[in-house]
Amino acid sequence: MKEKEIYGGLVRLHVLHHASREPVFGQGIMDELAHHGYALGPGTMYPILHGLERGGHLKSAVEKVGKRNRRTYVATAAGRRALRQAKGRVWELFRELFEDELSRAPGNGPAPVGKSKIHREERR
């Protein structure tokens, strides 16, 4: 499996997160994602934005910036709902991925991390 396939969902969540807070545009979101270690070009970013728009998660508008037009995207109600649902799943995955680190949180005692169903069944 290619890295692109693994990180594609994370990139979409980043886009939805930022688009739920303020309008985003292609180059701006590529720059933001670069701060998080993603190197995305227009050939990757714009199909993601268009796909999220086709799926009803984003809506776009064209605004004039100087002499140029810029297409901006904001999250729709469906996009914000999908983001809320994904946050719960991401949180559960995070807890599972970092279970050992969280259980050794300094000064806090053991972190409240439950074993996933798959781990509970392994011990039987």
PDB file of N, CA and C in Angstrom:
ATOM      1  N   MET A   1       0.850  -1.178   0.000  1.00  0.00           N
ATOM      2  CA  MET A   1       0.000   0.000   0.000  1.00  0.00           C
ATOM      3  C   MET A   1       0.896   1.241   0.000  1.00  0.00           C
ATOM      4  N   LYS A   2       0.532   2.212  -0.792  1.00  0.00           N
ATOM      5  CA  LYS A   2       1.311   3.439  -0.898  1.00  0.00           C
ATOM      6  C   LYS A   2       0.999   4.362   0.277  1.00  0.00           C
ATOM      7  N   GLU A   3       2.003   5.175   0.651  1.00  0.00           N
ATOM      8  CA  GLU A   3       1.811   6.151   1.729  1.00  0.00           C
ATOM      9  C   GLU A   3       0.624   7.055   1.441  1.00  0.00           C
ATOM     10  N   LYS A   4       0.486   7.426   0.176  1.00  0.00           N
ATOM     11  CA  LYS A   4      -0.598   8.313  -0.244  1.00  0.00           C
ATOM     12  C   LYS A   4      -1.959   7.726   0.152  1.00  0.00           C
ATOM     13  N   GLU A   5      -2.099   6.428  -0.014  1.00  0.00           N
ATOM     14  CA  GLU A   5      -3.361   5.768   0.327  1.00  0.00           C
ATOM     15  C   GLU A   5      -3.592   5.772   1.831  1.00  0.00           C
ATOM     16  N   ILE A   6      -2.529   5.607   2.599  1.00  0.00           N
ATOM     17  CA  ILE A   6      -2.660   5.593   4.054  1.00  0.00           C
ATOM     18  C   ILE A   6      -3.050   6.971   4.568  1.00  0.00           C
ATOM     19  N   TYR A   7      -2.403   8.014   4.047  1.00  0.00           N
ATOM     20  CA  TYR A   7      -2.614   9.357   4.571  1.00  0.00           C
ATOM     21  C   TYR A   7      -3.782  10.104   3.934  1.00  0.00           C
ATOM     22  N   GLY A   8      -4.379   9.552   2.887  1.00  0.00           N
ATOM     23  CA  GLY A   8      -5.464  10.248   2.198  1.00  0.00           C
ATOM     24  C   GLY A   8      -6.615  10.633   3.108  1.00  0.00           C
ATOM     25  N   GLY A   9      -7.009   9.726   3.981  1.00  0.00           N
ATOM     26  CA  GLY A   9      -8.099  10.026   4.910  1.00  0.00           C
ATOM     27  C   GLY A   9      -7.722  11.108   5.900  1.00  0.00           C
ATOM     28  N   LEU A  10      -6.465  11.101   6.348  1.00  0.00           N
ATOM     29  CA  LEU A  10      -6.015  12.134   7.282  1.00  0.00           C
ATOM     30  C   LEU A  10      -6.021  13.505   6.618  1.00  0.00           C
ATOM     31  N   VAL A  11      -5.601  13.552   5.363  1.00  0.00           N
ATOM     32  CA  VAL A  11      -5.608  14.815   4.629  1.00  0.00           C
ATOM     33  C   VAL A  11      -7.041  15.328   4.505  1.00  0.00           C
ATOM     34  N   ARG A  12      -7.970  14.458   4.175  1.00  0.00           N
ATOM     35  CA  ARG A  12      -9.370  14.872   4.052  1.00  0.00           C
ATOM     36  C   ARG A  12      -9.905  15.397   5.388  1.00  0.00           C
ATOM     37  N   LEU A  13      -9.520  14.765   6.476  1.00  0.00           N
ATOM     38  CA  LEU A  13      -9.946  15.242   7.797  1.00  0.00           C
ATOM     39  C   LEU A  13      -9.341  16.609   8.107  1.00  0.00           C
ATOM     40  N   HIS A  14      -8.076  16.807   7.744  1.00  0.00           N
ATOM     41  CA  HIS A  14      -7.457  18.126   7.921  1.00  0.00           C
ATOM     42  C   HIS A  14      -8.244  19.175   7.146  1.00  0.00           C
ATOM     43  N   VAL A  15      -8.564  18.866   5.899  1.00  0.00           N
ATOM     44  CA  VAL A  15      -9.306  19.814   5.062  1.00  0.00           C
ATOM     45  C   VAL A  15     -10.653  20.125   5.705  1.00  0.00           C
ATOM     46  N   LEU A  16     -11.389  19.104   6.102  1.00  0.00           N
ATOM     47  CA  LEU A  16     -12.694  19.333   6.734  1.00  0.00           C
ATOM     48  C   LEU A  16     -12.556  20.140   8.016  1.00  0.00           C
ATOM     49  N   HIS A  17     -11.535  19.835   8.806  1.00  0.00           N
ATOM     50  CA  HIS A  17     -11.310  20.572  10.054  1.00  0.00           C
ATOM     51  C   HIS A  17     -11.129  22.064   9.773  1.00  0.00           C
ATOM     52  N   HIS A  18     -10.222  22.388   8.859  1.00  0.00           N
ATOM     53  CA  HIS A  18      -9.956  23.798   8.575  1.00  0.00           C
ATOM     54  C   HIS A  18     -11.140  24.462   7.875  1.00  0.00           C
ATOM     55  N   ALA A  19     -11.795  23.736   6.976  1.00  0.00           N
ATOM     56  CA  ALA A  19     -12.941  24.303   6.254  1.00  0.00           C
ATOM     57  C   ALA A  19     -14.151  24.474   7.158  1.00  0.00           C
ATOM     58  N   SER A  20     -14.172  23.795   8.295  1.00  0.00           N
ATOM     59  CA  SER A  20     -15.280  23.991   9.236  1.00  0.00           C
ATOM     60  C   SER A  20     -15.045  25.231  10.094  1.00  0.00           C
ATOM     61  N   ARG A  21     -13.816  25.726  10.120  1.00  0.00           N
ATOM     62  CA  ARG A  21     -13.481  26.911  10.914  1.00  0.00           C
ATOM     63  C   ARG A  21     -13.491  28.193  10.095  1.00  0.00           C
ATOM     64  N   GLU A  22     -13.061  28.090   8.836  1.00  0.00           N
ATOM     65  CA  GLU A  22     -12.989  29.267   7.965  1.00  0.00           C
ATOM     66  C   GLU A  22     -12.873  28.793   6.520  1.00  0.00           C
ATOM     67  N   PRO A  23     -13.169  29.673   5.573  1.00  0.00           N
ATOM     68  CA  PRO A  23     -13.014  29.280   4.175  1.00  0.00           C
ATOM     69  C   PRO A  23     -11.549  28.942   3.871  1.00  0.00           C
ATOM     70  N   VAL A  24     -11.341  27.910   3.070  1.00  0.00           N
ATOM     71  CA  VAL A  24      -9.990  27.510   2.670  1.00  0.00           C
ATOM     72  C   VAL A  24      -9.904  27.555   1.152  1.00  0.00           C
ATOM     73  N   PHE A  25      -8.688  27.651   0.641  1.00  0.00           N
ATOM     74  CA  PHE A  25      -8.466  27.589  -0.801  1.00  0.00           C
ATOM     75  C   PHE A  25      -7.292  26.660  -1.049  1.00  0.00           C
ATOM     76  N   GLY A  26      -7.172  26.194  -2.260  1.00  0.00           N
ATOM     77  CA  GLY A  26      -6.212  25.154  -2.598  1.00  0.00           C
ATOM     78  C   GLY A  26      -4.800  25.394  -2.103  1.00  0.00           C
ATOM     79  N   GLN A  27      -4.174  26.494  -2.535  1.00  0.00           N
ATOM     80  CA  GLN A  27      -2.788  26.752  -2.148  1.00  0.00           C
ATOM     81  C   GLN A  27      -2.675  26.978  -0.645  1.00  0.00           C
ATOM     82  N   GLY A  28      -3.644  27.642  -0.065  1.00  0.00           N
ATOM     83  CA  GLY A  28      -3.614  27.892   1.378  1.00  0.00           C
ATOM     84  C   GLY A  28      -3.657  26.609   2.185  1.00  0.00           C
ATOM     85  N   ILE A  29      -4.500  25.668   1.785  1.00  0.00           N
ATOM     86  CA  ILE A  29      -4.592  24.411   2.535  1.00  0.00           C
ATOM     87  C   ILE A  29      -3.359  23.552   2.255  1.00  0.00           C
ATOM     88  N   MET A  30      -2.782  23.642   1.057  1.00  0.00           N
ATOM     89  CA  MET A  30      -1.529  22.915   0.793  1.00  0.00           C
ATOM     90  C   MET A  30      -0.414  23.444   1.692  1.00  0.00           C
ATOM     91  N   ASP A  31      -0.351  24.773   1.865  1.00  0.00           N
ATOM     92  CA  ASP A  31       0.654  25.368   2.755  1.00  0.00           C
ATOM     93  C   ASP A  31       0.425  24.929   4.197  1.00  0.00           C
ATOM     94  N   GLU A  32      -0.820  24.932   4.632  1.00  0.00           N
ATOM     95  CA  GLU A  32      -1.147  24.502   5.998  1.00  0.00           C
ATOM     96  C   GLU A  32      -0.746  23.045   6.212  1.00  0.00           C
ATOM     97  N   LEU A  33      -1.084  22.198   5.279  1.00  0.00           N
ATOM     98  CA  LEU A  33      -0.749  20.779   5.407  1.00  0.00           C
ATOM     99  C   LEU A  33       0.761  20.552   5.367  1.00  0.00           C
ATOM    100  N   ALA A  34       1.495  21.411   4.661  1.00  0.00           N
ATOM    101  CA  ALA A  34       2.959  21.297   4.633  1.00  0.00           C
ATOM    102  C   ALA A  34       3.532  21.484   6.031  1.00  0.00           C
ATOM    103  N   HIS A  35       2.892  22.319   6.852  1.00  0.00           N
ATOM    104  CA  HIS A  35       3.333  22.505   8.243  1.00  0.00           C
ATOM    105  C   HIS A  35       3.191  21.216   9.044  1.00  0.00           C
ATOM    106  N   HIS A  36       2.346  20.326   8.590  1.00  0.00           N
ATOM    107  CA  HIS A  36       2.122  19.049   9.279  1.00  0.00           C
ATOM    108  C   HIS A  36       2.882  17.901   8.612  1.00  0.00           C
ATOM    109  N   GLY A  37       3.738  18.237   7.648  1.00  0.00           N
ATOM    110  CA  GLY A  37       4.573  17.220   7.021  1.00  0.00           C
ATOM    111  C   GLY A  37       4.026  16.606   5.746  1.00  0.00           C
ATOM    112  N   TYR A  38       2.908  17.106   5.245  1.00  0.00           N
ATOM    113  CA  TYR A  38       2.344  16.578   4.001  1.00  0.00           C
ATOM    114  C   TYR A  38       2.856  17.414   2.832  1.00  0.00           C
ATOM    115  N   ALA A  39       3.396  16.770   1.822  1.00  0.00           N
ATOM    116  CA  ALA A  39       3.859  17.459   0.618  1.00  0.00           C
ATOM    117  C   ALA A  39       2.873  17.145  -0.501  1.00  0.00           C
ATOM    118  N   LEU A  40       1.893  18.013  -0.651  1.00  0.00           N
ATOM    119  CA  LEU A  40       0.849  17.793  -1.654  1.00  0.00           C
ATOM    120  C   LEU A  40       0.951  18.843  -2.742  1.00  0.00           C
ATOM    121  N   GLY A  41       0.831  18.404  -3.963  1.00  0.00           N
ATOM    122  CA  GLY A  41       0.791  19.322  -5.086  1.00  0.00           C
ATOM    123  C   GLY A  41      -0.642  19.538  -5.536  1.00  0.00           C
ATOM    124  N   PRO A  42      -0.829  20.454  -6.462  1.00  0.00           N
ATOM    125  CA  PRO A  42      -2.175  20.731  -6.968  1.00  0.00           C
ATOM    126  C   PRO A  42      -2.853  19.505  -7.570  1.00  0.00           C
ATOM    127  N   GLY A  43      -2.067  18.620  -8.193  1.00  0.00           N
ATOM    128  CA  GLY A  43      -2.633  17.418  -8.809  1.00  0.00           C
ATOM    129  C   GLY A  43      -3.228  16.446  -7.806  1.00  0.00           C
ATOM    130  N   THR A  44      -2.858  16.599  -6.548  1.00  0.00           N
ATOM    131  CA  THR A  44      -3.433  15.786  -5.476  1.00  0.00           C
ATOM    132  C   THR A  44      -4.494  16.569  -4.714  1.00  0.00           C
ATOM    133  N   MET A  45      -4.179  17.845  -4.411  1.00  0.00           N
ATOM    134  CA  MET A  45      -5.066  18.631  -3.553  1.00  0.00           C
ATOM    135  C   MET A  45      -6.405  18.938  -4.210  1.00  0.00           C
ATOM    136  N   TYR A  46      -6.381  19.385  -5.454  1.00  0.00           N
ATOM    137  CA  TYR A  46      -7.645  19.794  -6.069  1.00  0.00           C
ATOM    138  C   TYR A  46      -8.616  18.637  -6.286  1.00  0.00           C
ATOM    139  N   PRO A  47      -8.160  17.462  -6.677  1.00  0.00           N
ATOM    140  CA  PRO A  47      -9.103  16.336  -6.727  1.00  0.00           C
ATOM    141  C   PRO A  47      -9.703  15.997  -5.353  1.00  0.00           C
ATOM    142  N   ILE A  48      -8.925  16.176  -4.288  1.00  0.00           N
ATOM    143  CA  ILE A  48      -9.467  15.951  -2.939  1.00  0.00           C
ATOM    144  C   ILE A  48     -10.559  16.970  -2.644  1.00  0.00           C
ATOM    145  N   LEU A  49     -10.275  18.243  -2.916  1.00  0.00           N
ATOM    146  CA  LEU A  49     -11.279  19.293  -2.681  1.00  0.00           C
ATOM    147  C   LEU A  49     -12.528  19.046  -3.526  1.00  0.00           C
ATOM    148  N   HIS A  50     -12.336  18.723  -4.798  1.00  0.00           N
ATOM    149  CA  HIS A  50     -13.488  18.484  -5.683  1.00  0.00           C
ATOM    150  C   HIS A  50     -14.279  17.260  -5.234  1.00  0.00           C
ATOM    151  N   GLY A  51     -13.589  16.229  -4.794  1.00  0.00           N
ATOM    152  CA  GLY A  51     -14.271  15.027  -4.309  1.00  0.00           C
ATOM    153  C   GLY A  51     -15.090  15.307  -3.059  1.00  0.00           C
ATOM    154  N   LEU A  52     -14.530  16.094  -2.142  1.00  0.00           N
ATOM    155  CA  LEU A  52     -15.277  16.454  -0.931  1.00  0.00           C
ATOM    156  C   LEU A  52     -16.488  17.322  -1.284  1.00  0.00           C
ATOM    157  N   GLU A  53     -16.326  18.160  -2.289  1.00  0.00           N
ATOM    158  CA  GLU A  53     -17.459  18.981  -2.729  1.00  0.00           C
ATOM    159  C   GLU A  53     -18.522  18.106  -3.399  1.00  0.00           C
ATOM    160  N   ARG A  54     -18.115  17.221  -4.290  1.00  0.00           N
ATOM    161  CA  ARG A  54     -19.080  16.316  -4.945  1.00  0.00           C
ATOM    162  C   ARG A  54     -19.807  15.458  -3.918  1.00  0.00           C
ATOM    163  N   GLY A  55     -19.109  15.073  -2.869  1.00  0.00           N
ATOM    164  CA  GLY A  55     -19.707  14.247  -1.825  1.00  0.00           C
ATOM    165  C   GLY A  55     -20.597  15.024  -0.868  1.00  0.00           C
ATOM    166  N   GLY A  56     -20.696  16.335  -1.066  1.00  0.00           N
ATOM    167  CA  GLY A  56     -21.565  17.147  -0.221  1.00  0.00           C
ATOM    168  C   GLY A  56     -20.930  17.589   1.090  1.00  0.00           C
ATOM    169  N   HIS A  57     -19.621  17.396   1.248  1.00  0.00           N
ATOM    170  CA  HIS A  57     -18.947  17.773   2.492  1.00  0.00           C
ATOM    171  C   HIS A  57     -18.403  19.196   2.468  1.00  0.00           C
ATOM    172  N   LEU A  58     -18.175  19.722   1.271  1.00  0.00           N
ATOM    173  CA  LEU A  58     -17.715  21.099   1.099  1.00  0.00           C
ATOM    174  C   LEU A  58     -18.614  21.789   0.092  1.00  0.00           C
ATOM    175  N   LYS A  59     -18.695  23.105   0.199  1.00  0.00           N
ATOM    176  CA  LYS A  59     -19.307  23.901  -0.867  1.00  0.00           C
ATOM    177  C   LYS A  59     -18.309  24.996  -1.213  1.00  0.00           C
ATOM    178  N   SER A  60     -18.330  25.409  -2.456  1.00  0.00           N
ATOM    179  CA  SER A  60     -17.335  26.380  -2.905  1.00  0.00           C
ATOM    180  C   SER A  60     -18.002  27.651  -3.400  1.00  0.00           C
ATOM    181  N   ALA A  61     -17.202  28.690  -3.407  1.00  0.00           N
ATOM    182  CA  ALA A  61     -17.620  29.980  -3.943  1.00  0.00           C
ATOM    183  C   ALA A  61     -16.382  30.617  -4.562  1.00  0.00           C
ATOM    184  N   VAL A  62     -16.599  31.467  -5.531  1.00  0.00           N
ATOM    185  CA  VAL A  62     -15.488  32.168  -6.167  1.00  0.00           C
ATOM    186  C   VAL A  62     -15.465  33.579  -5.621  1.00  0.00           C
ATOM    187  N   GLU A  63     -14.274  34.001  -5.161  1.00  0.00           N
ATOM    188  CA  GLU A  63     -14.130  35.378  -4.697  1.00  0.00           C
ATOM    189  C   GLU A  63     -12.996  36.047  -5.472  1.00  0.00           C
ATOM    190  N   LYS A  64     -13.126  37.328  -5.625  1.00  0.00           N
ATOM    191  CA  LYS A  64     -12.126  38.111  -6.355  1.00  0.00           C
ATOM    192  C   LYS A  64     -11.005  38.476  -5.391  1.00  0.00           C
ATOM    193  N   VAL A  65      -9.766  38.168  -5.772  1.00  0.00           N
ATOM    194  CA  VAL A  65      -8.586  38.532  -4.982  1.00  0.00           C
ATOM    195  C   VAL A  65      -7.662  39.288  -5.925  1.00  0.00           C
ATOM    196  N   GLY A  66      -7.657  40.591  -5.777  1.00  0.00           N
ATOM    197  CA  GLY A  66      -6.913  41.413  -6.736  1.00  0.00           C
ATOM    198  C   GLY A  66      -7.559  41.281  -8.094  1.00  0.00           C
ATOM    199  N   LYS A  67      -6.767  40.896  -9.081  1.00  0.00           N
ATOM    200  CA  LYS A  67      -7.295  40.721 -10.435  1.00  0.00           C
ATOM    201  C   LYS A  67      -7.671  39.278 -10.727  1.00  0.00           C
ATOM    202  N   ARG A  68      -7.485  38.413  -9.741  1.00  0.00           N
ATOM    203  CA  ARG A  68      -7.720  36.981  -9.962  1.00  0.00           C
ATOM    204  C   ARG A  68      -8.943  36.500  -9.191  1.00  0.00           C
ATOM    205  N   ASN A  69      -9.486  35.409  -9.667  1.00  0.00           N
ATOM    206  CA  ASN A  69     -10.557  34.728  -8.948  1.00  0.00           C
ATOM    207  C   ASN A  69      -9.950  33.600  -8.128  1.00  0.00           C
ATOM    208  N   ARG A  70     -10.474  33.414  -6.925  1.00  0.00           N
ATOM    209  CA  ARG A  70     -10.021  32.324  -6.064  1.00  0.00           C
ATOM    210  C   ARG A  70     -11.253  31.546  -5.618  1.00  0.00           C
ATOM    211  N   ARG A  71     -11.183  30.229  -5.781  1.00  0.00           N
ATOM    212  CA  ARG A  71     -12.268  29.363  -5.314  1.00  0.00           C
ATOM    213  C   ARG A  71     -11.979  28.998  -3.864  1.00  0.00           C
ATOM    214  N   THR A  72     -12.934  29.317  -2.992  1.00  0.00           N
ATOM    215  CA  THR A  72     -12.794  28.970  -1.579  1.00  0.00           C
ATOM    216  C   THR A  72     -13.822  27.901  -1.231  1.00  0.00           C
ATOM    217  N   TYR A  73     -13.505  27.156  -0.194  1.00  0.00           N
ATOM    218  CA  TYR A  73     -14.336  26.028   0.229  1.00  0.00           C
ATOM    219  C   TYR A  73     -14.656  26.160   1.705  1.00  0.00           C
ATOM    220  N   VAL A  74     -15.899  25.859   2.055  1.00  0.00           N
ATOM    221  CA  VAL A  74     -16.308  25.785   3.462  1.00  0.00           C
ATOM    222  C   VAL A  74     -17.022  24.456   3.674  1.00  0.00           C
ATOM    223  N   ALA A  75     -16.948  23.977   4.893  1.00  0.00           N
ATOM    224  CA  ALA A  75     -17.616  22.718   5.218  1.00  0.00           C
ATOM    225  C   ALA A  75     -19.123  22.927   5.247  1.00  0.00           C
ATOM    226  N   THR A  76     -19.848  21.988   4.713  1.00  0.00           N
ATOM    227  CA  THR A  76     -21.309  21.996   4.782  1.00  0.00           C
ATOM    228  C   THR A  76     -21.735  21.375   6.112  1.00  0.00           C
ATOM    229  N   ALA A  77     -23.027  21.381   6.376  1.00  0.00           N
ATOM    230  CA  ALA A  77     -23.536  20.710   7.581  1.00  0.00           C
ATOM    231  C   ALA A  77     -23.156  19.228   7.551  1.00  0.00           C
ATOM    232  N   ALA A  78     -23.252  18.610   6.379  1.00  0.00           N
ATOM    233  CA  ALA A  78     -22.875  17.192   6.256  1.00  0.00           C
ATOM    234  C   ALA A  78     -21.381  17.005   6.505  1.00  0.00           C
ATOM    235  N   GLY A  79     -20.567  17.947   6.044  1.00  0.00           N
ATOM    236  CA  GLY A  79     -19.127  17.875   6.271  1.00  0.00           C
ATOM    237  C   GLY A  79     -18.777  18.023   7.739  1.00  0.00           C
ATOM    238  N   ARG A  80     -19.451  18.949   8.423  1.00  0.00           N
ATOM    239  CA  ARG A  80     -19.206  19.130   9.868  1.00  0.00           C
ATOM    240  C   ARG A  80     -19.670  17.904  10.644  1.00  0.00           C
ATOM    241  N   ARG A  81     -20.771  17.322  10.228  1.00  0.00           N
ATOM    242  CA  ARG A  81     -21.273  16.103  10.881  1.00  0.00           C
ATOM    243  C   ARG A  81     -20.288  14.948  10.675  1.00  0.00           C
ATOM    244  N   ALA A  82     -19.795  14.795   9.452  1.00  0.00           N
ATOM    245  CA  ALA A  82     -18.816  13.736   9.162  1.00  0.00           C
ATOM    246  C   ALA A  82     -17.545  13.950   9.977  1.00  0.00           C
ATOM    247  N   LEU A  83     -17.133  15.195  10.128  1.00  0.00           N
ATOM    248  CA  LEU A  83     -15.942  15.497  10.920  1.00  0.00           C
ATOM    249  C   LEU A  83     -16.157  15.129  12.384  1.00  0.00           C
ATOM    250  N   ARG A  84     -17.313  15.466  12.930  1.00  0.00           N
ATOM    251  CA  ARG A  84     -17.611  15.105  14.335  1.00  0.00           C
ATOM    252  C   ARG A  84     -17.558  13.595  14.527  1.00  0.00           C
ATOM    253  N   GLN A  85     -18.154  12.864  13.603  1.00  0.00           N
ATOM    254  CA  GLN A  85     -18.143  11.399  13.704  1.00  0.00           C
ATOM    255  C   GLN A  85     -16.723  10.856  13.575  1.00  0.00           C
ATOM    256  N   ALA A  86     -15.964  11.417  12.666  1.00  0.00           N
ATOM    257  CA  ALA A  86     -14.586  10.955  12.459  1.00  0.00           C
ATOM    258  C   ALA A  86     -13.718  11.251  13.671  1.00  0.00           C
ATOM    259  N   LYS A  87     -13.974  12.372  14.337  1.00  0.00           N
ATOM    260  CA  LYS A  87     -13.167  12.719  15.511  1.00  0.00           C
ATOM    261  C   LYS A  87     -13.268  11.642  16.583  1.00  0.00           C
ATOM    262  N   GLY A  88     -14.435  11.093  16.776  1.00  0.00           N
ATOM    263  CA  GLY A  88     -14.597  10.016  17.751  1.00  0.00           C
ATOM    264  C   GLY A  88     -13.792   8.790  17.361  1.00  0.00           C
ATOM    265  N   ARG A  89     -13.815   8.463  16.098  1.00  0.00           N
ATOM    266  CA  ARG A  89     -13.062   7.294  15.621  1.00  0.00           C
ATOM    267  C   ARG A  89     -11.556   7.543  15.677  1.00  0.00           C
ATOM    268  N   VAL A  90     -11.147   8.762  15.321  1.00  0.00           N
ATOM    269  CA  VAL A  90      -9.724   9.108  15.377  1.00  0.00           C
ATOM    270  C   VAL A  90      -9.238   9.080  16.818  1.00  0.00           C
ATOM    271  N   TRP A  91     -10.057   9.586  17.742  1.00  0.00           N
ATOM    272  CA  TRP A  91      -9.684   9.576  19.157  1.00  0.00           C
ATOM    273  C   TRP A  91      -9.496   8.140  19.646  1.00  0.00           C
ATOM    274  N   GLU A  92     -10.393   7.263  19.289  1.00  0.00           N
ATOM    275  CA  GLU A  92     -10.279   5.858  19.687  1.00  0.00           C
ATOM    276  C   GLU A  92      -9.016   5.236  19.091  1.00  0.00           C
ATOM    277  N   LEU A  93      -8.740   5.522  17.830  1.00  0.00           N
ATOM    278  CA  LEU A  93      -7.535   5.004  17.188  1.00  0.00           C
ATOM    279  C   LEU A  93      -6.287   5.566  17.861  1.00  0.00           C
ATOM    280  N   PHE A  94      -6.292   6.859  18.142  1.00  0.00           N
ATOM    281  CA  PHE A  94      -5.157   7.490  18.824  1.00  0.00           C
ATOM    282  C   PHE A  94      -4.883   6.801  20.154  1.00  0.00           C
ATOM    283  N   ARG A  95      -5.929   6.591  20.925  1.00  0.00           N
ATOM    284  CA  ARG A  95      -5.767   5.933  22.225  1.00  0.00           C
ATOM    285  C   ARG A  95      -5.193   4.533  22.065  1.00  0.00           C
ATOM    286  N   GLU A  96      -5.625   3.838  21.040  1.00  0.00           N
ATOM    287  CA  GLU A  96      -5.129   2.486  20.810  1.00  0.00           C
ATOM    288  C   GLU A  96      -3.672   2.508  20.329  1.00  0.00           C
ATOM    289  N   LEU A  97      -3.354   3.422  19.411  1.00  0.00           N
ATOM    290  CA  LEU A  97      -1.995   3.509  18.884  1.00  0.00           C
ATOM    291  C   LEU A  97      -0.984   3.910  19.955  1.00  0.00           C
ATOM    292  N   PHE A  98      -1.400   4.789  20.868  1.00  0.00           N
ATOM    293  CA  PHE A  98      -0.493   5.328  21.879  1.00  0.00           C
ATOM    294  C   PHE A  98      -0.825   4.845  23.280  1.00  0.00           C
ATOM    295  N   GLU A  99      -1.414   3.675  23.350  1.00  0.00           N
ATOM    296  CA  GLU A  99      -1.840   3.096  24.618  1.00  0.00           C
ATOM    297  C   GLU A  99      -0.701   3.051  25.636  1.00  0.00           C
ATOM    298  N   ASP A 100       0.452   2.556  25.248  1.00  0.00           N
ATOM    299  CA  ASP A 100       1.574   2.446  26.181  1.00  0.00           C
ATOM    300  C   ASP A 100       2.051   3.818  26.644  1.00  0.00           C
ATOM    301  N   GLU A 101       2.198   4.749  25.713  1.00  0.00           N
ATOM    302  CA  GLU A 101       2.659   6.087  26.065  1.00  0.00           C
ATOM    303  C   GLU A 101       1.673   6.782  26.997  1.00  0.00           C
ATOM    304  N   LEU A 102       0.395   6.644  26.716  1.00  0.00           N
ATOM    305  CA  LEU A 102      -0.619   7.290  27.547  1.00  0.00           C
ATOM    306  C   LEU A 102      -0.670   6.679  28.941  1.00  0.00           C
ATOM    307  N   SER A 103      -0.421   5.399  29.044  1.00  0.00           N
ATOM    308  CA  SER A 103      -0.485   4.761  30.358  1.00  0.00           C
ATOM    309  C   SER A 103       0.698   5.163  31.227  1.00  0.00           C
ATOM    310  N   ARG A 104       1.750   5.704  30.619  1.00  0.00           N
ATOM    311  CA  ARG A 104       2.907   6.163  31.378  1.00  0.00           C
ATOM    312  C   ARG A 104       2.948   7.678  31.486  1.00  0.00           C
ATOM    313  N   ALA A 105       1.829   8.347  31.349  1.00  0.00           N
ATOM    314  CA  ALA A 105       1.792   9.808  31.399  1.00  0.00           C
ATOM    315  C   ALA A 105       2.372  10.282  32.732  1.00  0.00           C
ATOM    316  N   PRO A 106       3.440  11.114  32.714  1.00  0.00           N
ATOM    317  CA  PRO A 106       4.099  11.526  33.957  1.00  0.00           C
ATOM    318  C   PRO A 106       3.200  12.384  34.836  1.00  0.00           C
ATOM    319  N   GLY A 107       3.188  12.053  36.118  1.00  0.00           N
ATOM    320  CA  GLY A 107       2.455  12.845  37.092  1.00  0.00           C
ATOM    321  C   GLY A 107       0.956  12.674  37.071  1.00  0.00           C
ATOM    322  N   ASN A 108       0.456  11.926  36.148  1.00  0.00           N
ATOM    323  CA  ASN A 108      -0.992  11.786  36.038  1.00  0.00           C
ATOM    324  C   ASN A 108      -1.467  10.400  36.421  1.00  0.00           C
ATOM    325  N   GLY A 109      -0.543   9.533  36.764  1.00  0.00           N
ATOM    326  CA  GLY A 109      -0.950   8.159  37.003  1.00  0.00           C
ATOM    327  C   GLY A 109      -1.311   7.538  35.678  1.00  0.00           C
ATOM    328  N   PRO A 110      -1.838   6.362  35.714  1.00  0.00           N
ATOM    329  CA  PRO A 110      -2.196   5.721  34.451  1.00  0.00           C
ATOM    330  C   PRO A 110      -3.307   6.484  33.745  1.00  0.00           C
ATOM    331  N   ALA A 111      -3.139   6.655  32.462  1.00  0.00           N
ATOM    332  CA  ALA A 111      -4.170   7.324  31.667  1.00  0.00           C
ATOM    333  C   ALA A 111      -5.348   6.387  31.490  1.00  0.00           C
ATOM    334  N   PRO A 112      -6.550   6.940  31.375  1.00  0.00           N
ATOM    335  CA  PRO A 112      -7.742   6.098  31.214  1.00  0.00           C
ATOM    336  C   PRO A 112      -7.825   5.525  29.813  1.00  0.00           C
ATOM    337  N   VAL A 113      -7.115   4.457  29.584  1.00  0.00           N
ATOM    338  CA  VAL A 113      -7.099   3.827  28.263  1.00  0.00           C
ATOM    339  C   VAL A 113      -7.598   2.409  28.415  1.00  0.00           C
ATOM    340  N   GLY A 114      -8.665   2.099  27.712  1.00  0.00           N
ATOM    341  CA  GLY A 114      -9.195   0.741  27.752  1.00  0.00           C
ATOM    342  C   GLY A 114      -8.628  -0.068  26.614  1.00  0.00           C
ATOM    343  N   LYS A 115      -8.545  -1.326  26.803  1.00  0.00           N
ATOM    344  CA  LYS A 115      -8.093  -2.206  25.727  1.00  0.00           C
ATOM    345  C   LYS A 115      -9.194  -2.308  24.677  1.00  0.00           C
ATOM    346  N   SER A 116      -8.784  -2.391  23.438  1.00  0.00           N
ATOM    347  CA  SER A 116      -9.777  -2.573  22.387  1.00  0.00           C
ATOM    348  C   SER A 116     -10.328  -3.988  22.468  1.00  0.00           C
ATOM    349  N   LYS A 117     -11.436  -4.193  21.821  1.00  0.00           N
ATOM    350  CA  LYS A 117     -12.070  -5.512  21.825  1.00  0.00           C
ATOM    351  C   LYS A 117     -11.107  -6.574  21.299  1.00  0.00           C
ATOM    352  N   ILE A 118     -10.349  -6.233  20.292  1.00  0.00           N
ATOM    353  CA  ILE A 118      -9.441  -7.215  19.699  1.00  0.00           C
ATOM    354  C   ILE A 118      -8.371  -7.640  20.706  1.00  0.00           C
ATOM    355  N   HIS A 119      -7.881  -6.687  21.521  1.00  0.00           N
ATOM    356  CA  HIS A 119      -6.880  -7.034  22.532  1.00  0.00           C
ATOM    357  C   HIS A 119      -7.492  -7.856  23.657  1.00  0.00           C
ATOM    358  N   ARG A 120      -8.703  -7.542  24.029  1.00  0.00           N
ATOM    359  CA  ARG A 120      -9.363  -8.308  25.097  1.00  0.00           C
ATOM    360  C   ARG A 120      -9.556  -9.747  24.664  1.00  0.00           C
ATOM    361  N   GLU A 121      -9.911  -9.953  23.400  1.00  0.00           N
ATOM    362  CA  GLU A 121     -10.149 -11.307  22.904  1.00  0.00           C
ATOM    363  C   GLU A 121      -8.848 -12.089  22.766  1.00  0.00           C
ATOM    364  N   GLU A 122      -7.726 -11.398  22.506  1.00  0.00           N
ATOM    365  CA  GLU A 122      -6.442 -12.081  22.387  1.00  0.00           C
ATOM    366  C   GLU A 122      -6.042 -12.753  23.692  1.00  0.00           C
ATOM    367  N   ARG A 123      -6.421 -12.170  24.799  1.00  0.00           N
ATOM    368  CA  ARG A 123      -5.998 -12.667  26.101  1.00  0.00           C
ATOM    369  C   ARG A 123      -6.798 -13.862  26.581  1.00  0.00           C
ATOM    370  N   ARG A 124      -7.874 -14.179  25.919  1.00  0.00           N
ATOM    371  CA  ARG A 124      -8.723 -15.303  26.342  1.00  0.00           C
ATOM    372  C   ARG A 124      -8.074 -16.618  26.082  1.00  0.00           C
TER     373      ARG A 124
END
